[in-house]
Amino acid sequence: MKKHTIICTIGLIAAIALLPGCKKFLDQVPNDRQTIEEVFQKKKPTEEYLANVYNFVRDESDQWNGTPWTGNVDEVNVAWAKWTIYQLNVGNWTPGNSHFYFWQSYYNGIRSATYFMSHIDGNKEILNLDGQALIDQYKAEARFLRAWFYFMILRQYGPAVLIGEKELAPDATAADLQLPRNSYDECVDYIVAELDKAAAVLPVVPATDRDYGRATKGAALAVKARLLLYAASPAFNGNTEFAGFVNIDGKPFINQQYNKEKWKRAADAAKAVIDLNTYALYEDAAGNPVASYRGIHLQPWNNETIFARKSNGLWNWDYNCSLRSAGGWNGISPVQEMVDAYFMKDGRSIQESPLYAETGFTKNVFNMYVNREPRFYASVLYNGARYKGGSITGDSITVDMTYSGRDGKKNGGEDYSHTGYLVLKGVSPVTNRIANISFERPFILIRLGEMYLNYAEAVAEYGNNDAEAIKYLNLIRKRAGIPQYGSADLPIVNGQELVQKIRAERRIELAYESHRWFDVRRWKIVKSAMGDLHGMDVNKDGNDFYKRVVADNHIWKDAYYFFPLAQYEMDRGLKLVQNPGW
């Protein structure tokens, strides 16, 4: 099987010392210009420089102290108050103390990519060995990465400062550093144009094994598709709630007029990725839907992967999600709202299906967990389930997270599930903390399943072609092993009902993959996703355990739509406008 992927190469390299070493996003270029010029005349240090630009692509496997996209929404509870995610959940953040502050890092990546693009032309050794085509490809990779960093800024902070191809001189004055933010739509158009330029040059697939890990056409088009889906969504497409969010010249940062054609643009972008025919939904060879869904993240370099980070901390994800009795730390726990989101095996929600019950037991398993869809069993470890993995290498055990149970609160100290569940999705049973064994695999940032859902959502929102949206929605459901819409078991849905079904499917299919945080904001339903979050009663034993109680509370303020710009940037950036509410 060919591996049509991006690997974001990591590793400390000699060229890191030669990077534009800016601690703040508008700091000056490096002092040792002669050394840099020498770097760009030779192939190896040039490639090392580019490899380090990839290093600015963040590893999002740490969802408690590294990134907040899973632990700060209605997906999981993180057990430990010592981690940074707790500060967000209790509302303890300000512009002077903004947690998960990536603005500076992304601008460092932008500047490094720009510097690379400006200096690689004329590289004598590459020209002699490989010709201009390789220089063009490397420049396209840097252009792709720069666009990715801008998109990361846009999704977290809103409108960015677009620097373009400008390099600030070493003797730049304070006035030269005064740059205003651009509007949301200006940022979108700029990033799209950059991705289009990169896609026109990048290969569809790597030419040789040595090239696996470099940017591809599919990656560029997939980032464009996600970006345009966000831009078409209610939060950024005619959102009058942002009418007062204006630049220093009074121009709105968020366009105040709804434009239906943005959905068409998003649909076309997602379809362009699909029409490459380069990627395929991963399916287990035996056709087992549980194995198929787990294999997306546990079968390295499968053909569903579009963009992934090779070096990552997934070993730590395994440790934090795994049972204490299996050598893990028992602390990344789906909230009840996420558990309730999974369908029943008849493809219906728990509100719609006659199969759902919250009373009684079947073969010692609480009926809430019986007859659920395959993705539930691939994603959630629940009380009464059988488990084998980590340091449990013999017979499987029965999971017991009741108060006095093997993995319950009584004997757990800090290491116990606060909701009575643990995340199973993406957790490798091979990783064994006790034996110091970990299972290496890429951290997936974009995959084909997302593109199908992006396309279905954009088509359904645009209207007049529900059959096309249902087609791609059903492809996701087919792989999941549940009935498809329009089959004998489920009726066809249309219009806004179809949009809601796609959103429900997206919540399940892309759970714990850093999508939900951005989805609820762009859909403007974030208030319903925050506040009190529930779980089973982990302070009780026996049947008393199976009672919904408040397990967590994620504080919400309207200011949290966008992270604040750091007070440092505001103090020196006189043309910068702070995000609303901060």
Protein backbone atom coordinates (compact mmCIF):
# COMPACT_ATOMS: atom_id res chain seq x y z
CA MET A 1 0.00 0.00 0.00
CA LYS A 2 1.38 3.39 -0.92
CA LYS A 3 1.48 5.98 1.79
CA HIS A 4 -0.09 9.19 0.51
CA THR A 5 0.66 11.30 3.54
CA ILE A 6 2.41 14.29 4.95
CA ILE A 7 4.86 13.66 7.74
CA CYS A 8 5.73 16.79 9.65
CA THR A 9 9.41 16.08 10.18
CA ILE A 10 10.68 16.85 13.65
CA GLY A 11 14.11 16.61 15.18
CA LEU A 12 16.74 18.97 16.40
CA ILE A 13 18.87 19.86 13.44
CA ALA A 14 21.91 21.96 12.85
CA ALA A 15 19.95 24.58 10.96
CA ILE A 16 17.76 25.42 13.95
CA ALA A 17 20.50 27.72 15.17
CA LEU A 18 20.30 29.54 11.86
CA LEU A 19 16.59 30.27 11.96
CA PRO A 20 15.16 33.76 12.29
CA GLY A 21 15.20 33.57 16.08
CA CYS A 22 12.21 35.76 16.85
CA LYS A 23 10.69 35.43 20.26
CA LYS A 24 7.87 37.76 19.28
CA PHE A 25 6.04 37.61 16.01
CA LEU A 26 7.49 40.81 14.56
CA ASP A 27 11.04 40.55 15.88
CA GLN A 28 13.93 41.10 13.55
CA VAL A 29 15.68 38.68 11.19
CA PRO A 30 18.87 36.88 12.27
CA ASN A 31 22.11 38.77 12.75
CA ASP A 32 24.35 36.14 11.15
CA ARG A 33 23.29 36.79 7.58
CA GLN A 34 26.48 35.45 6.04
CA THR A 35 25.94 32.03 7.62
CA ILE A 36 22.38 31.95 6.33
CA GLU A 37 23.56 32.82 2.83
CA GLU A 38 25.99 29.91 2.96
CA VAL A 39 23.23 27.57 4.11
CA PHE A 40 21.17 28.34 1.02
CA GLN A 41 23.97 27.40 -1.36
CA LYS A 42 24.09 23.77 -0.23
CA LYS A 43 21.48 21.05 -0.38
CA LYS A 44 21.66 19.38 3.02
CA PRO A 45 21.49 22.47 5.25
CA THR A 46 18.75 23.88 3.03
CA GLU A 47 16.71 20.71 3.51
CA GLU A 48 17.39 20.84 7.26
CA TYR A 49 16.14 24.41 7.34
CA LEU A 50 12.92 23.37 5.59
CA ALA A 51 12.56 20.42 7.96
CA ASN A 52 12.64 22.83 10.85
CA VAL A 53 9.86 24.92 9.30
CA TYR A 54 7.75 21.76 9.52
CA ASN A 55 8.63 21.72 13.20
CA PHE A 56 6.29 24.68 13.77
CA VAL A 57 3.29 22.45 12.96
CA ARG A 58 2.02 21.75 16.45
CA ASP A 59 1.68 18.32 17.96
CA GLU A 60 -1.94 18.24 19.18
CA SER A 61 -1.74 14.86 20.90
CA ASP A 62 -1.42 16.53 24.32
CA GLN A 63 -4.96 17.70 25.05
CA TRP A 64 -4.38 18.69 28.66
CA ASN A 65 -1.22 20.78 28.74
CA GLY A 66 -0.39 21.32 25.06
CA THR A 67 -3.68 22.14 23.33
CA PRO A 68 -7.25 22.69 24.59
CA TRP A 69 -9.42 21.60 21.66
CA THR A 70 -10.80 18.42 23.31
CA GLY A 71 -10.69 19.19 27.03
CA ASN A 72 -12.35 22.61 26.75
CA VAL A 73 -15.59 21.48 25.11
CA ASP A 74 -18.27 18.82 25.61
CA GLU A 75 -16.06 15.86 24.73
CA VAL A 76 -13.88 14.95 27.71
CA ASN A 77 -13.06 15.70 31.30
CA VAL A 78 -9.35 15.87 32.16
CA ALA A 79 -8.86 14.51 35.66
CA TRP A 80 -5.98 16.67 36.86
CA ALA A 81 -6.34 20.27 38.00
CA LYS A 82 -2.56 20.72 37.72
CA TRP A 83 -2.73 20.86 33.92
CA THR A 84 -3.26 24.07 31.95
CA ILE A 85 -6.62 22.97 30.53
CA TYR A 86 -8.11 23.38 34.01
CA GLN A 87 -7.35 27.12 33.93
CA LEU A 88 -9.46 27.53 30.78
CA ASN A 89 -12.30 25.44 32.15
CA VAL A 90 -12.59 27.60 35.28
CA GLY A 91 -12.22 30.85 33.29
CA ASN A 92 -8.82 31.77 34.69
CA TRP A 93 -7.30 33.53 31.68
CA THR A 94 -6.70 37.11 30.60
CA PRO A 95 -4.67 38.90 27.91
CA GLY A 96 -1.91 39.18 30.51
CA ASN A 97 -2.10 35.46 31.24
CA SER A 98 -3.37 33.81 28.09
CA HIS A 99 -2.90 30.05 28.18
CA PHE A 100 -2.11 28.00 25.07
CA TYR A 101 -0.67 31.11 23.48
CA PHE A 102 0.51 30.05 20.01
CA TRP A 103 0.36 33.41 18.19
CA GLN A 104 4.09 34.01 18.49
CA SER A 105 5.07 30.49 17.52
CA TYR A 106 2.94 30.56 14.38
CA TYR A 107 4.45 33.86 13.31
CA ASN A 108 7.90 32.40 13.87
CA GLY A 109 6.91 29.64 11.47
CA ILE A 110 5.52 32.15 8.98
CA ARG A 111 8.69 34.18 9.04
CA SER A 112 10.91 31.11 8.73
CA ALA A 113 8.89 29.89 5.74
CA THR A 114 9.06 33.31 4.10
CA TYR A 115 12.78 33.56 4.69
CA PHE A 116 13.26 30.10 3.15
CA MET A 117 11.23 31.03 0.07
CA SER A 118 13.18 34.26 -0.37
CA HIS A 119 16.62 32.65 -0.20
CA ILE A 120 16.48 29.21 -1.80
CA ASP A 121 16.50 30.44 -5.41
CA GLY A 122 19.93 30.07 -6.95
CA ASN A 123 21.00 27.26 -4.61
CA LYS A 124 24.02 26.04 -6.55
CA GLU A 125 24.17 22.50 -5.22
CA ILE A 126 20.48 21.76 -5.71
CA LEU A 127 20.57 23.23 -9.21
CA ASN A 128 23.56 21.08 -10.12
CA LEU A 129 22.16 17.89 -8.62
CA ASP A 130 18.40 18.15 -9.14
CA GLY A 131 17.58 21.24 -11.13
CA GLN A 132 15.08 24.06 -10.67
CA ALA A 133 12.14 21.67 -10.24
CA LEU A 134 13.29 20.63 -6.77
CA ILE A 135 13.77 24.24 -5.71
CA ASP A 136 10.24 24.99 -6.92
CA GLN A 137 8.89 22.03 -4.93
CA TYR A 138 10.67 23.10 -1.75
CA LYS A 139 9.34 26.62 -2.13
CA ALA A 140 5.83 25.21 -2.57
CA GLU A 141 6.25 23.19 0.63
CA ALA A 142 7.26 26.33 2.52
CA ARG A 143 4.31 28.20 0.98
CA PHE A 144 1.96 25.43 2.13
CA LEU A 145 3.38 25.56 5.65
CA ARG A 146 3.08 29.33 5.80
CA ALA A 147 -0.57 29.06 4.76
CA TRP A 148 -1.13 26.40 7.42
CA PHE A 149 0.28 28.68 10.13
CA TYR A 150 -1.95 31.55 9.03
CA PHE A 151 -4.96 29.24 9.16
CA MET A 152 -3.99 28.13 12.67
CA ILE A 153 -3.93 31.79 13.74
CA LEU A 154 -7.27 32.49 12.06
CA ARG A 155 -9.09 29.59 13.70
CA GLN A 156 -7.82 30.41 17.22
CA TYR A 157 -7.47 34.19 17.27
CA GLY A 158 -9.59 35.36 14.37
CA PRO A 159 -8.25 37.98 11.92
CA ALA A 160 -4.48 37.84 11.51
CA VAL A 161 -1.80 40.32 10.52
CA LEU A 162 -0.91 39.40 6.94
CA ILE A 163 2.78 40.09 6.36
CA GLY A 164 2.96 38.70 2.83
CA GLU A 165 6.45 38.44 1.35
CA LYS A 166 7.83 41.28 3.45
CA GLU A 167 11.08 40.75 5.35
CA LEU A 168 11.77 43.26 8.07
CA ALA A 169 15.27 44.68 8.00
CA PRO A 170 17.62 44.13 10.98
CA ASP A 171 17.45 47.87 11.70
CA ALA A 172 13.65 48.07 11.43
CA THR A 173 12.20 50.90 13.48
CA ALA A 174 9.32 50.66 15.91
CA ALA A 175 7.12 52.31 13.28
CA ASP A 176 7.98 49.53 10.82
CA LEU A 177 6.60 47.01 13.30
CA GLN A 178 3.19 48.70 13.49
CA LEU A 179 0.96 46.55 11.32
CA PRO A 180 -2.86 46.25 11.59
CA ARG A 181 -4.90 43.07 11.49
CA ASN A 182 -6.66 42.15 8.25
CA SER A 183 -10.34 41.24 8.06
CA TYR A 184 -11.43 37.61 8.33
CA ASP A 185 -12.37 37.40 4.65
CA GLU A 186 -9.10 39.05 3.58
CA CYS A 187 -7.24 36.39 5.54
CA VAL A 188 -9.31 33.62 3.97
CA ASP A 189 -8.71 34.88 0.44
CA TYR A 190 -4.98 35.26 1.05
CA ILE A 191 -4.60 31.76 2.54
CA VAL A 192 -6.66 30.20 -0.26
CA ALA A 193 -4.52 31.91 -2.90
CA GLU A 194 -1.35 30.67 -1.20
CA LEU A 195 -2.68 27.10 -1.01
CA ASP A 196 -3.69 27.20 -4.66
CA LYS A 197 -0.17 28.30 -5.61
CA ALA A 198 1.33 25.51 -3.54
CA ALA A 199 -1.07 22.88 -4.89
CA ALA A 200 -0.18 23.82 -8.48
CA VAL A 201 3.44 22.78 -7.86
CA LEU A 202 3.29 20.07 -5.20
CA PRO A 203 3.22 16.42 -6.29
CA VAL A 204 0.00 14.44 -5.96
CA VAL A 205 1.97 11.64 -4.31
CA PRO A 206 5.60 11.40 -3.23
CA ALA A 207 7.87 10.42 -6.11
CA THR A 208 10.10 8.12 -4.03
CA ASP A 209 10.20 6.67 -0.53
CA ARG A 210 12.61 9.42 0.41
CA ASP A 211 9.93 11.97 -0.35
CA TYR A 212 7.30 10.54 1.98
CA GLY A 213 6.61 13.22 4.50
CA ARG A 214 6.67 16.20 2.19
CA ALA A 215 3.69 18.37 1.37
CA THR A 216 1.36 17.12 -1.34
CA LYS A 217 -1.29 18.62 -3.55
CA GLY A 218 -3.96 16.80 -1.52
CA ALA A 219 -2.77 18.34 1.72
CA ALA A 220 -2.93 21.86 0.30
CA LEU A 221 -6.41 21.32 -1.12
CA ALA A 222 -7.63 19.74 2.12
CA VAL A 223 -6.52 22.70 4.24
CA LYS A 224 -8.29 24.97 1.75
CA ALA A 225 -11.46 22.89 2.07
CA ARG A 226 -11.49 23.10 5.86
CA LEU A 227 -10.77 26.83 5.79
CA LEU A 228 -13.59 27.57 3.35
CA LEU A 229 -16.03 25.46 5.36
CA TYR A 230 -15.26 27.56 8.42
CA ALA A 231 -15.58 30.79 6.41
CA ALA A 232 -19.03 29.79 5.13
CA SER A 233 -20.33 28.97 8.61
CA PRO A 234 -22.70 31.17 10.65
CA ALA A 235 -20.05 32.63 12.95
CA PHE A 236 -18.10 34.15 10.05
CA ASN A 237 -20.68 34.57 7.30
CA GLY A 238 -22.92 37.56 8.06
CA ASN A 239 -22.67 37.30 11.84
CA THR A 240 -24.18 40.56 13.09
CA GLU A 241 -23.18 39.71 16.66
CA PHE A 242 -19.68 40.80 15.60
CA ALA A 243 -20.90 44.13 14.18
CA GLY A 244 -18.93 46.04 16.80
CA PHE A 245 -15.71 44.16 16.12
CA VAL A 246 -14.01 46.66 13.81
CA ASN A 247 -10.49 47.65 12.81
CA ILE A 248 -8.93 51.01 13.66
CA ASP A 249 -10.39 52.44 10.44
CA GLY A 250 -13.90 51.28 11.40
CA LYS A 251 -14.00 48.40 8.89
CA PRO A 252 -15.74 45.27 10.27
CA PHE A 253 -13.43 42.34 10.85
CA ILE A 254 -16.32 39.91 10.19
CA ASN A 255 -18.39 40.49 7.05
CA GLN A 256 -21.91 41.55 8.01
CA GLN A 257 -23.66 40.28 4.88
CA TYR A 258 -24.53 36.59 4.55
CA ASN A 259 -23.24 35.09 1.30
CA LYS A 260 -24.74 31.75 0.35
CA GLU A 261 -22.10 31.25 -2.36
CA LYS A 262 -19.49 30.68 0.33
CA TRP A 263 -21.06 27.26 0.86
CA LYS A 264 -20.64 26.49 -2.84
CA ARG A 265 -17.03 27.52 -2.65
CA ALA A 266 -16.50 25.22 0.35
CA ALA A 267 -18.25 22.32 -1.38
CA ASP A 268 -16.14 22.70 -4.52
CA ALA A 269 -12.95 22.75 -2.44
CA ALA A 270 -13.79 19.55 -0.58
CA LYS A 271 -14.84 17.82 -3.78
CA ALA A 272 -11.49 18.72 -5.35
CA VAL A 273 -9.75 16.65 -2.65
CA ILE A 274 -12.14 13.74 -3.16
CA ASP A 275 -11.74 13.88 -6.94
CA LEU A 276 -7.99 13.41 -6.67
CA ASN A 277 -8.82 9.72 -6.10
CA THR A 278 -5.65 9.52 -4.06
CA TYR A 279 -7.18 8.67 -0.70
CA ALA A 280 -9.66 6.04 0.52
CA LEU A 281 -11.61 5.42 3.72
CA TYR A 282 -9.67 2.92 5.80
CA GLU A 283 -11.44 -0.42 6.20
CA ASP A 284 -10.33 -3.49 8.09
CA ALA A 285 -9.55 -6.42 5.79
CA ALA A 286 -12.10 -8.58 7.61
CA GLY A 287 -14.79 -5.93 7.32
CA ASN A 288 -15.12 -5.45 11.09
CA PRO A 289 -16.46 -1.90 11.61
CA VAL A 290 -14.92 -1.57 15.10
CA ALA A 291 -11.51 -2.56 13.73
CA SER A 292 -12.02 -0.28 10.74
CA TYR A 293 -12.69 2.75 12.90
CA ARG A 294 -9.87 2.01 15.34
CA GLY A 295 -7.51 1.31 12.47
CA ILE A 296 -7.82 4.86 11.09
CA HIS A 297 -5.49 5.98 13.87
CA LEU A 298 -3.71 2.73 14.72
CA GLN A 299 -2.69 1.52 11.25
CA PRO A 300 0.22 3.82 10.36
CA TRP A 301 0.20 5.53 6.99
CA ASN A 302 -3.08 4.07 5.78
CA ASN A 303 -4.59 5.68 2.68
CA GLU A 304 -7.15 7.74 4.57
CA THR A 305 -4.43 10.00 5.98
CA ILE A 306 -3.91 13.32 4.20
CA PHE A 307 -1.88 15.32 6.71
CA ALA A 308 -0.12 13.84 9.74
CA ARG A 309 2.65 14.61 12.17
CA LYS A 310 5.22 11.84 12.45
CA SER A 311 6.88 12.87 15.70
CA ASN A 312 4.29 13.23 18.44
CA GLY A 313 3.30 12.42 22.00
CA LEU A 314 0.73 9.72 21.32
CA TRP A 315 2.50 7.47 23.79
CA ASN A 316 1.36 9.97 26.45
CA TRP A 317 -2.20 9.88 25.08
CA ASP A 318 -2.07 6.11 25.59
CA TYR A 319 -0.83 6.49 29.16
CA ASN A 320 -3.38 9.12 30.18
CA CYS A 321 -6.36 7.34 28.64
CA SER A 322 -5.53 3.82 29.82
CA LEU A 323 -6.83 2.08 32.90
CA ARG A 324 -4.74 2.37 36.02
CA SER A 325 -4.78 -1.42 36.35
CA ALA A 326 -3.26 -1.61 32.85
CA GLY A 327 -0.45 0.77 33.81
CA GLY A 328 -2.19 3.94 32.68
CA TRP A 329 -3.27 7.08 34.49
CA ASN A 330 -7.02 6.76 34.12
CA GLY A 331 -7.77 10.41 33.43
CA ILE A 332 -9.05 11.33 29.94
CA SER A 333 -12.74 10.68 30.28
CA PRO A 334 -15.62 11.21 27.84
CA VAL A 335 -18.41 13.24 29.40
CA GLN A 336 -21.94 11.86 29.39
CA GLU A 337 -22.98 14.30 26.67
CA MET A 338 -20.43 12.70 24.35
CA VAL A 339 -21.50 9.19 25.33
CA ASP A 340 -25.11 10.12 24.60
CA ALA A 341 -24.14 11.43 21.15
CA TYR A 342 -23.27 7.97 19.81
CA PHE A 343 -26.03 6.26 17.84
CA MET A 344 -27.62 2.91 18.47
CA LYS A 345 -26.86 0.00 16.17
CA ASP A 346 -30.00 0.84 14.16
CA GLY A 347 -28.33 4.12 13.17
CA ARG A 348 -30.71 6.27 15.22
CA SER A 349 -29.96 8.58 18.12
CA ILE A 350 -30.76 7.46 21.66
CA GLN A 351 -33.74 9.83 21.57
CA GLU A 352 -35.11 8.17 18.40
CA SER A 353 -34.23 4.51 18.81
CA PRO A 354 -36.51 1.97 20.51
CA LEU A 355 -33.37 -0.03 21.37
CA TYR A 356 -32.14 2.46 23.97
CA ALA A 357 -32.70 1.93 27.69
CA GLU A 358 -31.27 3.46 30.85
CA THR A 359 -32.51 0.80 33.22
CA GLY A 360 -31.50 -2.80 33.80
CA PHE A 361 -28.60 -4.95 32.70
CA THR A 362 -27.87 -7.41 29.91
CA LYS A 363 -25.15 -9.95 30.73
CA ASN A 364 -23.93 -7.70 33.56
CA VAL A 365 -23.62 -4.65 31.27
CA PHE A 366 -25.80 -1.62 31.97
CA ASN A 367 -28.35 -1.33 29.17
CA MET A 368 -27.19 2.21 28.37
CA TYR A 369 -24.17 0.58 26.72
CA VAL A 370 -25.99 -2.28 24.97
CA ASN A 371 -26.89 -2.18 21.25
CA ARG A 372 -24.78 0.89 20.57
CA GLU A 373 -23.14 1.53 17.21
CA PRO A 374 -19.62 0.16 16.45
CA ARG A 375 -17.91 3.55 16.83
CA PHE A 376 -19.06 3.67 20.44
CA TYR A 377 -17.30 0.39 21.20
CA ALA A 378 -14.21 1.60 19.31
CA SER A 379 -14.11 4.90 21.21
CA VAL A 380 -15.40 4.59 24.78
CA LEU A 381 -14.30 2.35 27.62
CA TYR A 382 -17.29 1.92 29.94
CA ASN A 383 -18.08 0.06 33.12
CA GLY A 384 -18.59 -3.66 32.49
CA ALA A 385 -16.63 -3.71 29.22
CA ARG A 386 -13.89 -6.26 28.68
CA TYR A 387 -10.40 -4.83 28.29
CA LYS A 388 -6.98 -6.13 27.38
CA GLY A 389 -4.00 -3.88 26.76
CA GLY A 390 -1.06 -2.14 28.35
CA SER A 391 0.32 -4.27 31.18
CA ILE A 392 -2.72 -6.58 30.99
CA THR A 393 -1.20 -9.20 28.72
CA GLY A 394 -3.04 -12.27 29.91
CA ASP A 395 -6.81 -12.68 30.02
CA SER A 396 -8.91 -9.56 29.56
CA ILE A 397 -10.43 -7.93 32.61
CA THR A 398 -13.87 -6.50 33.31
CA VAL A 399 -13.68 -2.74 33.64
CA ASP A 400 -14.79 -1.52 37.07
CA MET A 401 -14.72 2.24 37.62
CA THR A 402 -17.23 2.28 40.47
CA TYR A 403 -16.05 3.99 43.66
CA SER A 404 -14.46 0.88 45.23
CA GLY A 405 -13.72 -0.84 41.96
CA ARG A 406 -10.32 -1.82 40.56
CA ASP A 407 -10.03 1.49 38.71
CA GLY A 408 -12.33 3.59 40.85
CA LYS A 409 -11.92 6.75 42.84
CA LYS A 410 -11.39 5.15 46.28
CA ASN A 411 -7.90 3.90 45.56
CA GLY A 412 -7.01 6.14 42.65
CA GLY A 413 -5.66 9.28 44.28
CA GLU A 414 -5.68 11.78 41.40
CA ASP A 415 -5.80 9.00 38.83
CA TYR A 416 -9.44 8.16 38.38
CA SER A 417 -12.09 8.88 35.78
CA HIS A 418 -14.36 11.70 36.91
CA THR A 419 -17.14 10.55 34.56
CA GLY A 420 -16.95 6.75 34.80
CA TYR A 421 -15.58 6.41 31.25
CA LEU A 422 -12.24 6.53 29.47
CA VAL A 423 -11.38 7.39 25.88
CA LEU A 424 -10.52 4.30 23.87
CA LYS A 425 -10.29 5.88 20.42
CA GLY A 426 -6.73 6.22 19.18
CA VAL A 427 -5.34 4.38 22.22
CA SER A 428 -2.93 1.61 21.31
CA PRO A 429 -3.26 -1.62 23.30
CA VAL A 430 0.41 -2.27 22.51
CA THR A 431 1.68 0.68 24.56
CA ASN A 432 2.78 -0.54 27.98
CA ARG A 433 4.04 2.12 30.38
CA ILE A 434 5.22 -0.43 32.93
CA ALA A 435 7.41 -2.20 30.37
CA ASN A 436 8.38 1.11 28.70
CA ILE A 437 6.90 -0.01 25.38
CA SER A 438 5.13 2.45 23.10
CA PHE A 439 3.50 2.05 19.70
CA GLU A 440 4.66 4.67 17.24
CA ARG A 441 2.20 5.98 14.67
CA PRO A 442 1.48 9.35 13.08
CA PHE A 443 -0.80 11.91 14.66
CA ILE A 444 -3.45 12.56 12.02
CA LEU A 445 -4.37 16.19 11.42
CA ILE A 446 -6.53 15.77 8.29
CA ARG A 447 -8.11 12.64 6.83
CA LEU A 448 -10.51 11.75 4.07
CA GLY A 449 -13.44 11.09 6.41
CA GLU A 450 -13.39 14.77 7.33
CA MET A 451 -13.42 15.76 3.66
CA TYR A 452 -16.56 13.65 3.06
CA LEU A 453 -18.29 15.36 5.98
CA ASN A 454 -17.06 18.81 4.93
CA TYR A 455 -18.44 18.22 1.46
CA ALA A 456 -21.76 16.85 2.71
CA GLU A 457 -22.26 19.79 5.07
CA ALA A 458 -21.41 22.43 2.46
CA VAL A 459 -23.67 20.82 -0.17
CA ALA A 460 -26.57 20.50 2.29
CA GLU A 461 -26.20 24.11 3.44
CA TYR A 462 -26.06 25.37 -0.13
CA GLY A 463 -29.22 23.42 -0.95
CA ASN A 464 -30.90 21.85 -3.99
CA ASN A 465 -28.69 18.73 -4.02
CA ASP A 466 -29.50 16.78 -0.89
CA ALA A 467 -28.93 13.47 -2.68
CA GLU A 468 -25.27 14.36 -3.16
CA ALA A 469 -24.85 15.29 0.50
CA ILE A 470 -26.56 12.07 1.60
CA LYS A 471 -24.27 10.03 -0.68
CA TYR A 472 -21.15 11.10 1.19
CA LEU A 473 -22.83 11.03 4.58
CA ASN A 474 -23.80 7.43 3.84
CA LEU A 475 -20.24 6.49 2.90
CA ILE A 476 -19.21 7.43 6.44
CA ARG A 477 -22.09 5.45 7.91
CA LYS A 478 -21.33 2.43 5.73
CA ARG A 479 -17.78 2.24 7.06
CA ALA A 480 -19.18 2.72 10.58
CA GLY A 481 -21.40 -0.33 10.16
CA ILE A 482 -24.76 1.37 10.67
CA PRO A 483 -27.82 1.71 8.39
CA GLN A 484 -27.66 4.37 5.70
CA TYR A 485 -30.23 7.06 5.06
CA GLY A 486 -32.64 5.94 2.37
CA SER A 487 -32.26 2.25 3.25
CA ALA A 488 -35.14 0.10 4.43
CA ASP A 489 -34.20 0.99 8.00
CA LEU A 490 -33.87 4.76 7.78
CA PRO A 491 -35.87 7.34 5.81
CA ILE A 492 -34.32 10.01 3.62
CA VAL A 493 -33.84 13.37 5.33
CA ASN A 494 -33.74 16.76 3.63
CA GLY A 495 -33.10 20.43 4.18
CA GLN A 496 -32.20 21.62 7.64
CA GLU A 497 -32.94 18.21 9.10
CA LEU A 498 -30.19 16.85 6.88
CA VAL A 499 -27.81 19.56 8.08
CA GLN A 500 -28.49 18.52 11.68
CA LYS A 501 -27.89 14.86 10.82
CA ILE A 502 -24.55 15.74 9.24
CA ARG A 503 -23.57 17.72 12.32
CA ALA A 504 -24.49 14.76 14.54
CA GLU A 505 -22.45 12.41 12.33
CA ARG A 506 -19.49 14.77 12.42
CA ARG A 507 -19.54 14.91 16.21
CA ILE A 508 -19.20 11.13 16.39
CA GLU A 509 -16.92 10.43 13.44
CA LEU A 510 -14.39 13.15 14.32
CA ALA A 511 -14.63 12.88 18.12
CA TYR A 512 -11.41 13.65 20.04
CA GLU A 513 -9.69 14.84 16.84
CA SER A 514 -9.61 18.59 17.65
CA HIS A 515 -12.73 19.47 15.62
CA ARG A 516 -15.54 19.92 18.12
CA TRP A 517 -14.10 23.09 19.73
CA PHE A 518 -14.10 24.86 16.36
CA ASP A 519 -17.34 23.31 15.10
CA VAL A 520 -19.54 24.50 17.95
CA ARG A 521 -18.14 28.01 17.58
CA ARG A 522 -18.58 28.26 13.85
CA TRP A 523 -22.12 26.87 14.15
CA LYS A 524 -22.85 29.34 16.97
CA ILE A 525 -24.04 26.61 19.34
CA VAL A 526 -21.12 26.87 21.73
CA LYS A 527 -23.21 27.97 24.71
CA SER A 528 -25.08 24.65 24.62
CA ALA A 529 -21.78 22.77 24.59
CA MET A 530 -20.39 24.38 27.73
CA GLY A 531 -21.52 24.75 31.32
CA ASP A 532 -22.41 21.69 33.41
CA LEU A 533 -21.16 18.41 31.93
CA HIS A 534 -22.14 15.05 33.31
CA GLY A 535 -21.00 11.51 33.99
CA MET A 536 -21.86 8.51 36.07
CA ASP A 537 -21.69 8.84 39.87
CA VAL A 538 -18.10 7.78 40.56
CA ASN A 539 -18.68 8.28 44.29
CA LYS A 540 -21.00 5.30 44.41
CA ASP A 541 -20.78 1.52 44.12
CA GLY A 542 -23.13 -1.03 42.62
CA ASN A 543 -26.21 0.12 40.78
CA ASP A 544 -25.98 3.55 42.40
CA PHE A 545 -22.99 4.24 40.12
CA TYR A 546 -25.31 4.39 37.08
CA LYS A 547 -26.81 7.78 37.77
CA ARG A 548 -26.15 11.00 35.85
CA VAL A 549 -24.43 13.62 37.98
CA VAL A 550 -22.52 16.82 37.22
CA ALA A 551 -18.89 15.82 36.74
CA ASP A 552 -17.40 19.04 35.37
CA ASN A 553 -18.23 22.62 34.51
CA HIS A 554 -16.70 24.49 31.60
CA ILE A 555 -17.22 28.21 32.06
CA TRP A 556 -18.31 30.12 28.97
CA LYS A 557 -18.17 33.81 28.13
CA ASP A 558 -18.80 35.34 24.72
CA ALA A 559 -15.20 36.60 24.77
CA TYR A 560 -14.08 32.98 24.40
CA TYR A 561 -15.05 32.85 20.73
CA PHE A 562 -11.49 34.00 20.06
CA PHE A 563 -8.42 33.72 22.24
CA PRO A 564 -7.06 37.11 23.32
CA LEU A 565 -3.94 38.66 21.86
CA ALA A 566 -1.28 38.84 24.56
CA GLN A 567 -1.06 42.10 26.42
CA TYR A 568 2.58 42.33 25.33
CA GLU A 569 1.54 42.46 21.68
CA MET A 570 -1.17 45.01 22.42
CA ASP A 571 1.22 47.27 24.34
CA ARG A 572 3.66 47.54 21.48
CA GLY A 573 1.32 47.00 18.53
CA LEU A 574 -0.48 50.32 18.48
CA LYS A 575 -2.40 49.37 15.34
CA LEU A 576 -3.62 46.05 16.75
CA VAL A 577 -7.25 45.73 17.85
CA GLN A 578 -7.96 43.30 20.70
CA ASN A 579 -10.57 40.58 20.30
CA PRO A 580 -14.09 41.30 21.62
CA GLY A 581 -14.59 40.95 25.36
CA TRP A 582 -10.93 41.14 26.27
